Amino acid sequence: MFHAAAEAILESGRTVDLLITDIVMPGRNGVDLAAWARTRYPNLAVLFVSAYASNAMDRFGASVDSEAYLGKPFSTLEL
């Protein structure tokens, strides 16, 4: 998942303003993806989503207090 997302970002040829990523993914996680993407787009806004409790962010190295987090399931209105 990490590599597919990174490839999509690189191949888009567009400036990326917002990354919405799940925290838990096979292989590398969404926190790693956000860190990688921010090396290319330093002002990138990131929204982390997860079906796990918000403490999943702490487990993967990001703080709920410093990042946007939305728990699954969520509605279109909540998004």
N, C-alpha and C. Protein backbone atom coordinates (compact mmCIF):
# COMPACT_ATOMS: atom_id res chain seq x y z
N MET A 1 0.81 -1.19 0.00
CA MET A 1 0.00 0.00 0.00
C MET A 1 0.86 1.26 0.00
N PHE A 2 1.88 1.31 0.85
CA PHE A 2 2.76 2.47 0.91
C PHE A 2 3.33 2.78 -0.47
N HIS A 3 3.88 1.74 -1.10
CA HIS A 3 4.54 1.95 -2.40
C HIS A 3 3.54 2.36 -3.48
N ALA A 4 2.36 1.79 -3.47
CA ALA A 4 1.33 2.16 -4.45
C ALA A 4 0.91 3.61 -4.26
N ALA A 5 0.75 4.02 -3.01
CA ALA A 5 0.37 5.41 -2.74
C ALA A 5 1.48 6.37 -3.12
N ALA A 6 2.71 6.04 -2.79
CA ALA A 6 3.84 6.89 -3.14
C ALA A 6 3.97 7.01 -4.65
N GLU A 7 3.80 5.92 -5.34
CA GLU A 7 3.87 5.93 -6.81
C GLU A 7 2.76 6.80 -7.40
N ALA A 8 1.57 6.70 -6.86
CA ALA A 8 0.45 7.52 -7.35
C ALA A 8 0.74 9.00 -7.15
N ILE A 9 1.34 9.35 -6.02
CA ILE A 9 1.69 10.75 -5.77
C ILE A 9 2.72 11.22 -6.78
N LEU A 10 3.75 10.43 -7.00
CA LEU A 10 4.82 10.81 -7.93
C LEU A 10 4.32 10.90 -9.37
N GLU A 11 3.47 9.97 -9.76
CA GLU A 11 3.01 9.92 -11.15
C GLU A 11 1.90 10.90 -11.47
N SER A 12 1.29 11.49 -10.44
CA SER A 12 0.16 12.39 -10.68
C SER A 12 0.59 13.65 -11.43
N GLY A 13 1.81 14.07 -11.18
CA GLY A 13 2.29 15.29 -11.83
C GLY A 13 1.63 16.55 -11.29
N ARG A 14 0.91 16.41 -10.23
CA ARG A 14 0.20 17.55 -9.63
C ARG A 14 0.75 17.83 -8.24
N THR A 15 0.49 19.03 -7.78
CA THR A 15 0.82 19.36 -6.40
C THR A 15 -0.22 18.71 -5.51
N VAL A 16 0.22 18.08 -4.46
CA VAL A 16 -0.68 17.42 -3.53
C VAL A 16 -0.90 18.35 -2.34
N ASP A 17 -2.16 18.66 -2.05
CA ASP A 17 -2.49 19.55 -0.94
C ASP A 17 -2.98 18.79 0.29
N LEU A 18 -3.59 17.62 0.07
CA LEU A 18 -4.16 16.85 1.17
C LEU A 18 -3.93 15.37 0.93
N LEU A 19 -3.46 14.70 1.96
CA LEU A 19 -3.30 13.26 1.94
C LEU A 19 -4.23 12.68 2.99
N ILE A 20 -5.11 11.79 2.58
CA ILE A 20 -5.96 11.05 3.51
C ILE A 20 -5.45 9.62 3.49
N THR A 21 -4.99 9.15 4.63
CA THR A 21 -4.38 7.83 4.69
C THR A 21 -4.80 7.09 5.95
N ASP A 22 -4.97 5.80 5.80
CA ASP A 22 -5.21 4.96 6.96
C ASP A 22 -3.90 4.87 7.74
N ILE A 23 -4.00 4.76 9.03
CA ILE A 23 -2.79 4.61 9.85
C ILE A 23 -2.21 3.22 9.67
N VAL A 24 -3.05 2.21 9.72
CA VAL A 24 -2.60 0.82 9.66
C VAL A 24 -2.73 0.32 8.23
N MET A 25 -1.61 -0.05 7.64
CA MET A 25 -1.58 -0.58 6.28
C MET A 25 -0.60 -1.75 6.27
N PRO A 26 -0.74 -2.63 5.29
CA PRO A 26 0.24 -3.71 5.16
C PRO A 26 1.63 -3.12 4.87
N GLY A 27 2.63 -3.65 5.48
CA GLY A 27 3.98 -3.13 5.27
C GLY A 27 4.17 -1.85 6.07
N ARG A 28 4.60 -0.81 5.41
CA ARG A 28 4.80 0.48 6.08
C ARG A 28 3.45 1.12 6.36
N ASN A 29 3.39 1.96 7.37
CA ASN A 29 2.11 2.52 7.80
C ASN A 29 1.87 3.92 7.25
N GLY A 30 0.69 4.44 7.54
CA GLY A 30 0.29 5.76 7.06
C GLY A 30 1.12 6.89 7.63
N VAL A 31 1.64 6.73 8.83
CA VAL A 31 2.51 7.75 9.41
C VAL A 31 3.79 7.86 8.59
N ASP A 32 4.34 6.72 8.18
CA ASP A 32 5.52 6.71 7.31
C ASP A 32 5.20 7.36 5.96
N LEU A 33 4.03 7.05 5.42
CA LEU A 33 3.63 7.63 4.14
C LEU A 33 3.54 9.15 4.24
N ALA A 34 2.94 9.64 5.31
CA ALA A 34 2.80 11.08 5.49
C ALA A 34 4.18 11.74 5.61
N ALA A 35 5.07 11.13 6.37
CA ALA A 35 6.42 11.68 6.51
C ALA A 35 7.14 11.72 5.16
N TRP A 36 7.01 10.65 4.40
CA TRP A 36 7.63 10.62 3.07
C TRP A 36 7.03 11.70 2.17
N ALA A 37 5.71 11.81 2.15
CA ALA A 37 5.04 12.79 1.28
C ALA A 37 5.40 14.22 1.68
N ARG A 38 5.59 14.47 2.97
CA ARG A 38 5.94 15.82 3.42
C ARG A 38 7.36 16.20 3.05
N THR A 39 8.22 15.24 2.70
CA THR A 39 9.54 15.61 2.20
C THR A 39 9.42 16.24 0.82
N ARG A 40 8.37 15.91 0.10
CA ARG A 40 8.13 16.47 -1.24
C ARG A 40 7.20 17.68 -1.19
N TYR A 41 6.27 17.67 -0.26
CA TYR A 41 5.29 18.74 -0.10
C TYR A 41 5.26 19.15 1.38
N PRO A 42 6.17 20.04 1.78
CA PRO A 42 6.30 20.37 3.21
C PRO A 42 5.03 20.92 3.86
N ASN A 43 4.17 21.55 3.09
CA ASN A 43 2.94 22.12 3.65
C ASN A 43 1.75 21.19 3.51
N LEU A 44 2.00 19.94 3.22
CA LEU A 44 0.94 18.97 3.01
C LEU A 44 0.08 18.78 4.25
N ALA A 45 -1.23 18.90 4.07
CA ALA A 45 -2.17 18.59 5.14
C ALA A 45 -2.41 17.09 5.10
N VAL A 46 -2.50 16.48 6.28
CA VAL A 46 -2.70 15.03 6.36
C VAL A 46 -3.86 14.75 7.30
N LEU A 47 -4.75 13.88 6.84
CA LEU A 47 -5.84 13.38 7.67
C LEU A 47 -5.63 11.88 7.82
N PHE A 48 -5.42 11.44 9.05
CA PHE A 48 -5.28 10.02 9.33
C PHE A 48 -6.64 9.46 9.69
N VAL A 49 -6.94 8.28 9.16
CA VAL A 49 -8.17 7.58 9.50
C VAL A 49 -7.80 6.18 9.99
N SER A 50 -8.66 5.64 10.84
CA SER A 50 -8.39 4.29 11.35
C SER A 50 -9.63 3.72 12.00
N ALA A 51 -9.77 2.42 11.88
CA ALA A 51 -10.84 1.71 12.58
C ALA A 51 -10.41 1.36 13.99
N TYR A 52 -9.13 1.54 14.28
CA TYR A 52 -8.60 1.27 15.61
C TYR A 52 -8.77 2.51 16.48
N ALA A 53 -8.61 2.35 17.75
CA ALA A 53 -8.70 3.48 18.67
C ALA A 53 -7.64 4.52 18.31
N SER A 54 -7.88 5.76 18.70
CA SER A 54 -6.95 6.83 18.36
C SER A 54 -5.54 6.58 18.90
N ASN A 55 -5.38 5.67 19.86
CA ASN A 55 -4.04 5.38 20.36
C ASN A 55 -3.19 4.64 19.32
N ALA A 56 -3.81 4.22 18.22
CA ALA A 56 -3.03 3.61 17.13
C ALA A 56 -2.01 4.59 16.58
N MET A 57 -2.33 5.88 16.60
CA MET A 57 -1.37 6.87 16.12
C MET A 57 -0.13 6.87 16.99
N ASP A 58 -0.31 6.83 18.29
CA ASP A 58 0.84 6.79 19.19
C ASP A 58 1.70 5.56 18.93
N ARG A 59 1.04 4.42 18.67
CA ARG A 59 1.76 3.19 18.39
C ARG A 59 2.64 3.31 17.16
N PHE A 60 2.20 4.12 16.19
CA PHE A 60 2.95 4.24 14.94
C PHE A 60 3.76 5.53 14.86
N GLY A 61 3.83 6.27 15.95
CA GLY A 61 4.75 7.40 15.99
C GLY A 61 4.18 8.76 15.67
N ALA A 62 2.89 8.95 15.82
CA ALA A 62 2.30 10.27 15.61
C ALA A 62 1.36 10.54 16.77
N SER A 63 1.17 11.80 17.04
CA SER A 63 0.32 12.19 18.15
C SER A 63 -1.02 12.69 17.65
N VAL A 64 -2.08 12.24 18.28
CA VAL A 64 -3.42 12.71 17.92
C VAL A 64 -3.50 14.21 18.13
N ASP A 65 -2.79 14.72 19.10
CA ASP A 65 -2.83 16.15 19.38
C ASP A 65 -2.20 16.98 18.27
N SER A 66 -1.23 16.43 17.55
CA SER A 66 -0.52 17.20 16.53
C SER A 66 -0.97 16.88 15.11
N GLU A 67 -1.85 15.91 14.94
CA GLU A 67 -2.30 15.51 13.62
C GLU A 67 -3.82 15.41 13.59
N ALA A 68 -4.38 15.55 12.40
CA ALA A 68 -5.82 15.38 12.23
C ALA A 68 -6.13 13.88 12.18
N TYR A 69 -7.14 13.47 12.93
CA TYR A 69 -7.50 12.06 13.03
C TYR A 69 -9.02 11.93 12.95
N LEU A 70 -9.47 10.94 12.18
CA LEU A 70 -10.89 10.64 12.06
C LEU A 70 -11.06 9.14 12.22
N GLY A 71 -11.85 8.75 13.21
CA GLY A 71 -12.08 7.32 13.46
C GLY A 71 -13.10 6.74 12.50
N LYS A 72 -12.84 5.50 12.07
CA LYS A 72 -13.79 4.78 11.21
C LYS A 72 -14.80 4.06 12.08
N PRO A 73 -15.97 3.85 11.66
CA PRO A 73 -16.54 4.39 10.43
C PRO A 73 -16.91 5.86 10.62
N PHE A 74 -16.96 6.58 9.51
CA PHE A 74 -17.36 7.97 9.55
C PHE A 74 -18.26 8.27 8.36
N SER A 75 -19.03 9.32 8.50
CA SER A 75 -19.97 9.69 7.45
C SER A 75 -19.32 10.71 6.51
N THR A 76 -19.95 10.92 5.39
CA THR A 76 -19.48 11.93 4.45
C THR A 76 -19.51 13.30 5.12
N LEU A 77 -20.53 13.54 5.91
CA LEU A 77 -20.65 14.80 6.63
C LEU A 77 -19.48 15.00 7.59
N GLU A 78 -19.11 13.97 8.32
CA GLU A 78 -17.98 14.06 9.24
C GLU A 78 -16.68 14.32 8.49
N LEU A 79 -16.52 13.71 7.35
CA LEU A 79 -15.31 13.91 6.54
C LEU A 79 -15.22 15.35 6.09
